[in-house]
Structure formats: C-alpha cells, structure tokens
Amino acid sequence: MKDVAKMSFEEAMTELEALVGQLESGNVPLEESIELYARGDALKQHCEQKLAEAEEKVAQITKGADGAATGATPVTYD
C-alpha cells in the first residue's frame, strides 16, 4: 500500500472511493472494516490538505489591469 503522504490528490481520491465502496458492500469482516476506516480517514485528511493548498495557490494568483493572470504572489507562512 502506498504511503498516503506521497499520494497525489487524484490517487488518494480514487483509493478513498474504492474503500467506501468496500465498506458500503457490507461484505468486509469487522477487523478489516476498522483498518479500512482508519486508512479512509487518513486519505480524507490528505485530500482536504491538498485542496486547501490548491485553494491557497489560486487565491495568490494576481491579475493585471486587463483581468489576465500576470503571475502568482508567493505564499508566505508566518
């Protein structure tokens, strides 16, 4: 299984969708369900972080007088 922290947003979402499908099927033993739930939670948190990072990047895009994107303002963390 790939380390969640090294996954792209798309990879994490694909795996999360598959886990949800397995859990919803009701055909997974209890112990495995608990493991799948824990993995799913980690994937969900990873996806939320990736989305927040993307939103921050979009928020930093600057526009010129004509409305066209002129570049991005570097994100600074205080």
N, C-alpha and C. Protein backbone atom coordinates (compact mmCIF):
# COMPACT_ATOMS: atom_id res chain seq x y z
N MET A 1 0.83 -1.18 0.00
CA MET A 1 0.00 0.00 0.00
C MET A 1 0.89 1.25 0.00
N LYS A 2 0.57 2.19 -0.84
CA LYS A 2 1.36 3.41 -0.97
C LYS A 2 1.16 4.32 0.24
N ASP A 3 2.24 4.98 0.66
CA ASP A 3 2.18 5.93 1.76
C ASP A 3 1.25 7.08 1.36
N VAL A 4 0.28 7.37 2.20
CA VAL A 4 -0.72 8.39 1.91
C VAL A 4 -0.05 9.74 1.65
N ALA A 5 0.95 10.09 2.43
CA ALA A 5 1.61 11.39 2.29
C ALA A 5 2.26 11.57 0.92
N LYS A 6 2.57 10.48 0.23
CA LYS A 6 3.23 10.55 -1.07
C LYS A 6 2.23 10.50 -2.23
N MET A 7 0.95 10.42 -1.93
CA MET A 7 -0.07 10.30 -2.98
C MET A 7 -0.49 11.66 -3.51
N SER A 8 -0.83 11.67 -4.78
CA SER A 8 -1.44 12.87 -5.35
C SER A 8 -2.89 12.92 -4.88
N PHE A 9 -3.52 14.05 -5.09
CA PHE A 9 -4.92 14.19 -4.73
C PHE A 9 -5.76 13.14 -5.45
N GLU A 10 -5.50 12.97 -6.74
CA GLU A 10 -6.29 12.04 -7.55
C GLU A 10 -6.11 10.59 -7.09
N GLU A 11 -4.88 10.22 -6.77
CA GLU A 11 -4.63 8.86 -6.27
C GLU A 11 -5.38 8.61 -4.96
N ALA A 12 -5.31 9.59 -4.07
CA ALA A 12 -5.96 9.45 -2.77
C ALA A 12 -7.48 9.36 -2.93
N MET A 13 -8.04 10.18 -3.80
CA MET A 13 -9.50 10.15 -4.01
C MET A 13 -9.94 8.82 -4.60
N THR A 14 -9.18 8.30 -5.55
CA THR A 14 -9.51 7.02 -6.17
C THR A 14 -9.51 5.90 -5.13
N GLU A 15 -8.48 5.88 -4.30
CA GLU A 15 -8.42 4.84 -3.27
C GLU A 15 -9.53 5.04 -2.24
N LEU A 16 -9.80 6.28 -1.87
CA LEU A 16 -10.87 6.55 -0.91
C LEU A 16 -12.22 6.08 -1.43
N GLU A 17 -12.50 6.35 -2.69
CA GLU A 17 -13.76 5.90 -3.29
C GLU A 17 -13.86 4.37 -3.28
N ALA A 18 -12.75 3.70 -3.55
CA ALA A 18 -12.74 2.24 -3.53
C ALA A 18 -12.99 1.70 -2.11
N LEU A 19 -12.38 2.34 -1.12
CA LEU A 19 -12.58 1.91 0.27
C LEU A 19 -14.03 2.10 0.70
N VAL A 20 -14.60 3.22 0.33
CA VAL A 20 -16.00 3.48 0.68
C VAL A 20 -16.89 2.41 0.05
N GLY A 21 -16.61 2.06 -1.20
CA GLY A 21 -17.38 1.01 -1.86
C GLY A 21 -17.28 -0.32 -1.13
N GLN A 22 -16.08 -0.66 -0.68
CA GLN A 22 -15.90 -1.91 0.07
C GLN A 22 -16.69 -1.87 1.37
N LEU A 23 -16.59 -0.76 2.09
CA LEU A 23 -17.28 -0.66 3.37
C LEU A 23 -18.81 -0.68 3.19
N GLU A 24 -19.28 -0.02 2.14
CA GLU A 24 -20.73 0.01 1.89
C GLU A 24 -21.28 -1.34 1.47
N SER A 25 -20.43 -2.19 0.91
CA SER A 25 -20.90 -3.50 0.45
C SER A 25 -21.35 -4.38 1.61
N GLY A 26 -20.77 -4.14 2.79
CA GLY A 26 -21.14 -4.95 3.95
C GLY A 26 -20.52 -6.34 3.95
N ASN A 27 -19.62 -6.60 3.03
CA ASN A 27 -19.00 -7.92 2.91
C ASN A 27 -17.59 -7.97 3.48
N VAL A 28 -17.25 -7.02 4.32
CA VAL A 28 -15.90 -6.94 4.87
C VAL A 28 -15.97 -7.31 6.35
N PRO A 29 -15.11 -8.22 6.81
CA PRO A 29 -15.09 -8.58 8.23
C PRO A 29 -14.82 -7.34 9.11
N LEU A 30 -15.26 -7.39 10.33
CA LEU A 30 -15.17 -6.26 11.25
C LEU A 30 -13.74 -5.72 11.37
N GLU A 31 -12.78 -6.59 11.63
CA GLU A 31 -11.40 -6.12 11.82
C GLU A 31 -10.88 -5.41 10.57
N GLU A 32 -11.17 -5.96 9.42
CA GLU A 32 -10.75 -5.32 8.17
C GLU A 32 -11.48 -4.01 7.96
N SER A 33 -12.74 -3.96 8.35
CA SER A 33 -13.52 -2.71 8.24
C SER A 33 -12.88 -1.60 9.05
N ILE A 34 -12.40 -1.94 10.25
CA ILE A 34 -11.76 -0.96 11.11
C ILE A 34 -10.48 -0.44 10.44
N GLU A 35 -9.70 -1.34 9.86
CA GLU A 35 -8.48 -0.94 9.16
C GLU A 35 -8.79 -0.07 7.95
N LEU A 36 -9.82 -0.46 7.20
CA LEU A 36 -10.22 0.32 6.03
C LEU A 36 -10.70 1.71 6.43
N TYR A 37 -11.45 1.77 7.52
CA TYR A 37 -11.95 3.06 8.01
C TYR A 37 -10.79 3.97 8.39
N ALA A 38 -9.79 3.42 9.09
CA ALA A 38 -8.63 4.21 9.50
C ALA A 38 -7.87 4.72 8.27
N ARG A 39 -7.68 3.86 7.29
CA ARG A 39 -7.00 4.27 6.05
C ARG A 39 -7.82 5.34 5.33
N GLY A 40 -9.13 5.13 5.29
CA GLY A 40 -10.01 6.10 4.66
C GLY A 40 -9.94 7.46 5.33
N ASP A 41 -9.86 7.47 6.65
CA ASP A 41 -9.75 8.73 7.37
C ASP A 41 -8.45 9.45 7.02
N ALA A 42 -7.36 8.70 6.94
CA ALA A 42 -6.07 9.30 6.56
C ALA A 42 -6.14 9.85 5.13
N LEU A 43 -6.78 9.11 4.23
CA LEU A 43 -6.92 9.57 2.85
C LEU A 43 -7.78 10.84 2.79
N LYS A 44 -8.84 10.87 3.55
CA LYS A 44 -9.73 12.05 3.58
C LYS A 44 -8.97 13.28 4.06
N GLN A 45 -8.21 13.13 5.12
CA GLN A 45 -7.44 14.25 5.65
C GLN A 45 -6.40 14.72 4.63
N HIS A 46 -5.77 13.79 3.95
CA HIS A 46 -4.78 14.12 2.92
C HIS A 46 -5.44 14.91 1.79
N CYS A 47 -6.60 14.46 1.35
CA CYS A 47 -7.32 15.16 0.28
C CYS A 47 -7.71 16.57 0.72
N GLU A 48 -8.17 16.71 1.94
CA GLU A 48 -8.54 18.03 2.45
C GLU A 48 -7.33 18.96 2.47
N GLN A 49 -6.17 18.44 2.86
CA GLN A 49 -4.95 19.24 2.88
C GLN A 49 -4.56 19.66 1.47
N LYS A 50 -4.62 18.72 0.53
CA LYS A 50 -4.27 19.04 -0.86
C LYS A 50 -5.22 20.10 -1.42
N LEU A 51 -6.51 20.01 -1.11
CA LEU A 51 -7.46 21.01 -1.58
C LEU A 51 -7.18 22.38 -0.97
N ALA A 52 -6.86 22.41 0.30
CA ALA A 52 -6.54 23.68 0.96
C ALA A 52 -5.30 24.31 0.33
N GLU A 53 -4.30 23.50 0.01
CA GLU A 53 -3.10 24.01 -0.65
C GLU A 53 -3.43 24.57 -2.02
N ALA A 54 -4.28 23.88 -2.76
CA ALA A 54 -4.67 24.35 -4.09
C ALA A 54 -5.46 25.65 -3.99
N GLU A 55 -6.37 25.74 -3.03
CA GLU A 55 -7.15 26.97 -2.84
C GLU A 55 -6.24 28.14 -2.51
N GLU A 56 -5.22 27.89 -1.70
CA GLU A 56 -4.27 28.95 -1.34
C GLU A 56 -3.51 29.42 -2.58
N LYS A 57 -3.10 28.50 -3.42
CA LYS A 57 -2.39 28.87 -4.65
C LYS A 57 -3.28 29.70 -5.56
N VAL A 58 -4.53 29.30 -5.70
CA VAL A 58 -5.47 30.05 -6.55
C VAL A 58 -5.69 31.44 -5.98
N ALA A 59 -5.79 31.54 -4.67
CA ALA A 59 -6.01 32.83 -4.03
C ALA A 59 -4.83 33.77 -4.24
N GLN A 60 -3.64 33.23 -4.51
CA GLN A 60 -2.44 34.04 -4.67
C GLN A 60 -2.21 34.50 -6.12
N ILE A 61 -3.04 34.05 -7.05
CA ILE A 61 -2.87 34.46 -8.44
C ILE A 61 -3.21 35.94 -8.56
N THR A 62 -2.31 36.68 -9.19
CA THR A 62 -2.54 38.11 -9.37
C THR A 62 -3.02 38.38 -10.80
N LYS A 63 -3.78 39.46 -10.93
CA LYS A 63 -4.33 39.82 -12.23
C LYS A 63 -3.87 41.23 -12.60
N GLY A 64 -3.65 41.42 -13.88
CA GLY A 64 -3.28 42.73 -14.39
C GLY A 64 -4.52 43.58 -14.60
N ALA A 65 -4.33 44.80 -15.09
CA ALA A 65 -5.44 45.73 -15.31
C ALA A 65 -6.45 45.19 -16.32
N ASP A 66 -5.99 44.35 -17.24
CA ASP A 66 -6.89 43.78 -18.25
C ASP A 66 -7.61 42.53 -17.75
N GLY A 67 -7.35 42.14 -16.52
CA GLY A 67 -8.01 40.97 -15.94
C GLY A 67 -7.29 39.66 -16.20
N ALA A 68 -6.22 39.70 -16.98
CA ALA A 68 -5.46 38.49 -17.28
C ALA A 68 -4.51 38.18 -16.12
N ALA A 69 -4.31 36.90 -15.89
CA ALA A 69 -3.38 36.48 -14.83
C ALA A 69 -1.98 36.93 -15.21
N THR A 70 -1.30 37.54 -14.27
CA THR A 70 0.05 38.03 -14.53
C THR A 70 1.10 37.21 -13.79
N GLY A 71 0.70 36.40 -12.90
CA GLY A 71 1.64 35.61 -12.13
C GLY A 71 1.02 35.23 -10.81
N ALA A 72 1.84 34.77 -9.93
CA ALA A 72 1.36 34.36 -8.62
C ALA A 72 2.18 35.06 -7.55
N THR A 73 1.52 35.45 -6.51
CA THR A 73 2.20 36.03 -5.37
C THR A 73 2.69 34.88 -4.50
N PRO A 74 3.95 34.88 -4.12
CA PRO A 74 4.46 33.79 -3.28
C PRO A 74 3.67 33.70 -1.98
N VAL A 75 3.40 32.50 -1.57
CA VAL A 75 2.69 32.27 -0.32
C VAL A 75 3.71 32.37 0.80
N THR A 76 3.40 33.16 1.81
CA THR A 76 4.28 33.27 2.96
C THR A 76 3.56 32.74 4.18
N TYR A 77 4.28 32.04 5.00
CA TYR A 77 3.72 31.47 6.22
C TYR A 77 4.41 32.13 7.40
N ASP A 78 3.63 32.79 8.23
CA ASP A 78 4.20 33.48 9.39
C ASP A 78 4.16 32.60 10.61
